[in-house]
Structure formats: structure tokens, C-alpha cells
Amino acid sequence: GVFRTKLTQKAANAVWFRNKKDEGIVFAPYFTPLPIPAMALLYTAAGCCIDKWANGERIDIAFSEDEYKETYDKHIANLKKFATLTKEHGILDTIQKDLTNNSR
């Protein structure tokens, strides 16, 4: 699906669930289920990585609020819209829970 990818799971694991001292473990109540802002951050970071290689050669692009706030905000809006449109089926809720459960 559009919001459920292996890359998203791998990124969540690497950023917040790598070891017992990582934020996703230490602050488990805040990461269960994986919150929309955290998902948006993963998608924004992935976009930055793509931007770094957009011309076929790596260029140095800072992952900063100035550069990526608009992109992050769009991801937040899209995730919220998706949650609203699929609320009856609980699709985003399931994705969020799966991202957390598969990280531990």
C-alpha cells in the first residue's frame, strides 16, 4: 500500500527501535501506535535521500526544517486525510500498530 512499505519499517527500526535504549523502546507509550508525525518524518527523510541522488550523483543536501518543512506538512496532511477516508476500515490504525509491533 501507499503508506505500508518495507522501507518505512526498516527506517522505523533503524531510527527508533534499534536497541533497548532507543526512543521507541524507552518511550513506548508515545510510539504505540507509531504516531502520524513520526511516519511523516520517515517519509520526509526518504524524500531527502532521493533528492540527494536526483541527478544520478550524490549532492550534499541538508535535512533541515527550512528545506523540508513544507514536505513534512504535506505528509502530515496526507496521512490525516487517509486516516479520515479509511477510518471505517481502520487501515492507517493497522499500519501504525504494525509498524510498532514489527519493530520490537
Protein backbone atom coordinates (compact mmCIF):
# COMPACT_ATOMS: atom_id res chain seq x y z
CA GLY A 1 0.00 0.00 0.00
CA VAL A 2 0.93 3.63 -0.28
CA PHE A 3 1.87 4.02 3.41
CA ARG A 4 2.98 0.44 4.14
CA THR A 5 6.39 -0.30 2.68
CA LYS A 6 9.41 -2.33 3.71
CA LEU A 7 11.44 0.89 3.61
CA THR A 8 9.15 2.51 6.19
CA GLN A 9 9.53 -0.47 8.52
CA LYS A 10 13.30 -0.60 8.09
CA ALA A 11 13.59 3.14 8.73
CA ALA A 12 11.42 2.99 11.86
CA ASN A 13 13.51 0.08 13.14
CA ALA A 14 16.78 1.92 12.49
CA VAL A 15 15.68 5.26 13.92
CA TRP A 16 13.56 4.40 16.96
CA PHE A 17 13.76 0.66 17.70
CA ARG A 18 17.35 -0.45 17.06
CA ASN A 19 18.15 -1.30 20.68
CA LYS A 20 16.61 -1.18 24.15
CA LYS A 21 17.88 2.38 24.73
CA ASP A 22 16.26 3.84 21.59
CA GLU A 23 13.33 6.22 21.91
CA GLY A 24 10.73 3.80 20.59
CA ILE A 25 11.55 1.36 23.38
CA VAL A 26 12.25 3.80 26.22
CA PHE A 27 9.19 5.92 25.41
CA ALA A 28 6.99 3.07 24.17
CA PRO A 29 3.67 4.72 25.15
CA TYR A 30 4.46 7.58 22.75
CA PHE A 31 5.31 5.19 19.91
CA THR A 32 2.36 2.83 20.30
CA PRO A 33 0.98 3.03 17.72
CA LEU A 34 3.60 4.85 15.65
CA PRO A 35 2.26 8.42 15.51
CA ILE A 36 1.44 10.24 12.30
CA PRO A 37 4.21 12.85 12.87
CA ALA A 38 6.77 10.03 13.15
CA MET A 39 5.52 8.45 9.93
CA ALA A 40 5.64 11.84 8.19
CA LEU A 41 9.22 12.31 9.37
CA LEU A 42 10.24 8.96 7.86
CA TYR A 43 8.66 9.82 4.51
CA THR A 44 10.26 13.28 4.55
CA ALA A 45 13.70 11.81 5.29
CA ALA A 46 13.25 9.30 2.46
CA GLY A 47 12.44 12.20 0.15
CA CYS A 48 15.64 13.95 1.21
CA CYS A 49 17.64 10.82 0.37
CA ILE A 50 16.02 10.70 -3.06
CA ASP A 51 16.76 14.40 -3.58
CA LYS A 52 20.45 13.79 -2.78
CA TRP A 53 20.67 11.39 -5.72
CA ALA A 54 18.12 13.01 -8.07
CA ASN A 55 20.65 13.77 -10.81
CA GLY A 56 22.43 10.40 -10.56
CA GLU A 57 25.27 11.76 -8.46
CA ARG A 58 25.21 12.42 -4.75
CA ILE A 59 24.89 16.06 -3.80
CA ASP A 60 25.01 17.39 -0.26
CA ILE A 61 21.56 18.46 0.87
CA ALA A 62 20.91 19.32 4.49
CA PHE A 63 17.93 17.63 6.10
CA SER A 64 16.68 20.79 7.74
CA GLU A 65 13.39 22.35 8.73
CA ASP A 66 13.94 25.19 6.26
CA GLU A 67 14.33 22.73 3.37
CA TYR A 68 11.73 20.12 4.28
CA LYS A 69 9.01 21.67 6.48
CA GLU A 70 6.63 22.06 3.55
CA THR A 71 7.17 18.43 2.53
CA TYR A 72 6.71 17.24 6.12
CA ASP A 73 3.49 19.25 6.46
CA LYS A 74 2.16 17.72 3.22
CA HIS A 75 2.88 14.23 4.54
CA ILE A 76 1.06 15.07 7.79
CA ALA A 77 -1.94 16.35 5.82
CA ASN A 78 -1.98 13.32 3.51
CA LEU A 79 -1.76 10.87 6.40
CA LYS A 80 -4.58 12.63 8.26
CA LYS A 81 -6.71 12.68 5.12
CA PHE A 82 -6.03 8.98 4.53
CA ALA A 83 -6.92 8.25 8.16
CA THR A 84 -10.20 10.10 7.78
CA LEU A 85 -11.09 8.49 4.45
CA THR A 86 -10.32 4.97 5.68
CA LYS A 87 -11.38 5.35 9.32
CA GLU A 88 -14.29 2.96 8.87
CA HIS A 89 -11.83 0.22 7.90
CA GLY A 90 -9.05 1.19 10.33
CA ILE A 91 -6.39 0.94 7.64
CA LEU A 92 -3.99 3.60 8.93
CA ASP A 93 -4.51 2.46 12.53
CA THR A 94 -3.47 -1.04 11.48
CA ILE A 95 -0.41 0.25 9.62
CA GLN A 96 0.63 2.33 12.64
CA LYS A 97 0.22 -0.62 15.03
CA ASP A 98 2.06 -2.96 12.66
CA LEU A 99 4.99 -0.55 12.34
CA THR A 100 5.36 -0.51 16.11
CA ASN A 101 4.69 -4.21 16.71
CA ASN A 102 7.09 -5.31 13.97
CA SER A 103 9.81 -3.08 15.38
CA ARG A 104 10.16 -4.78 18.74
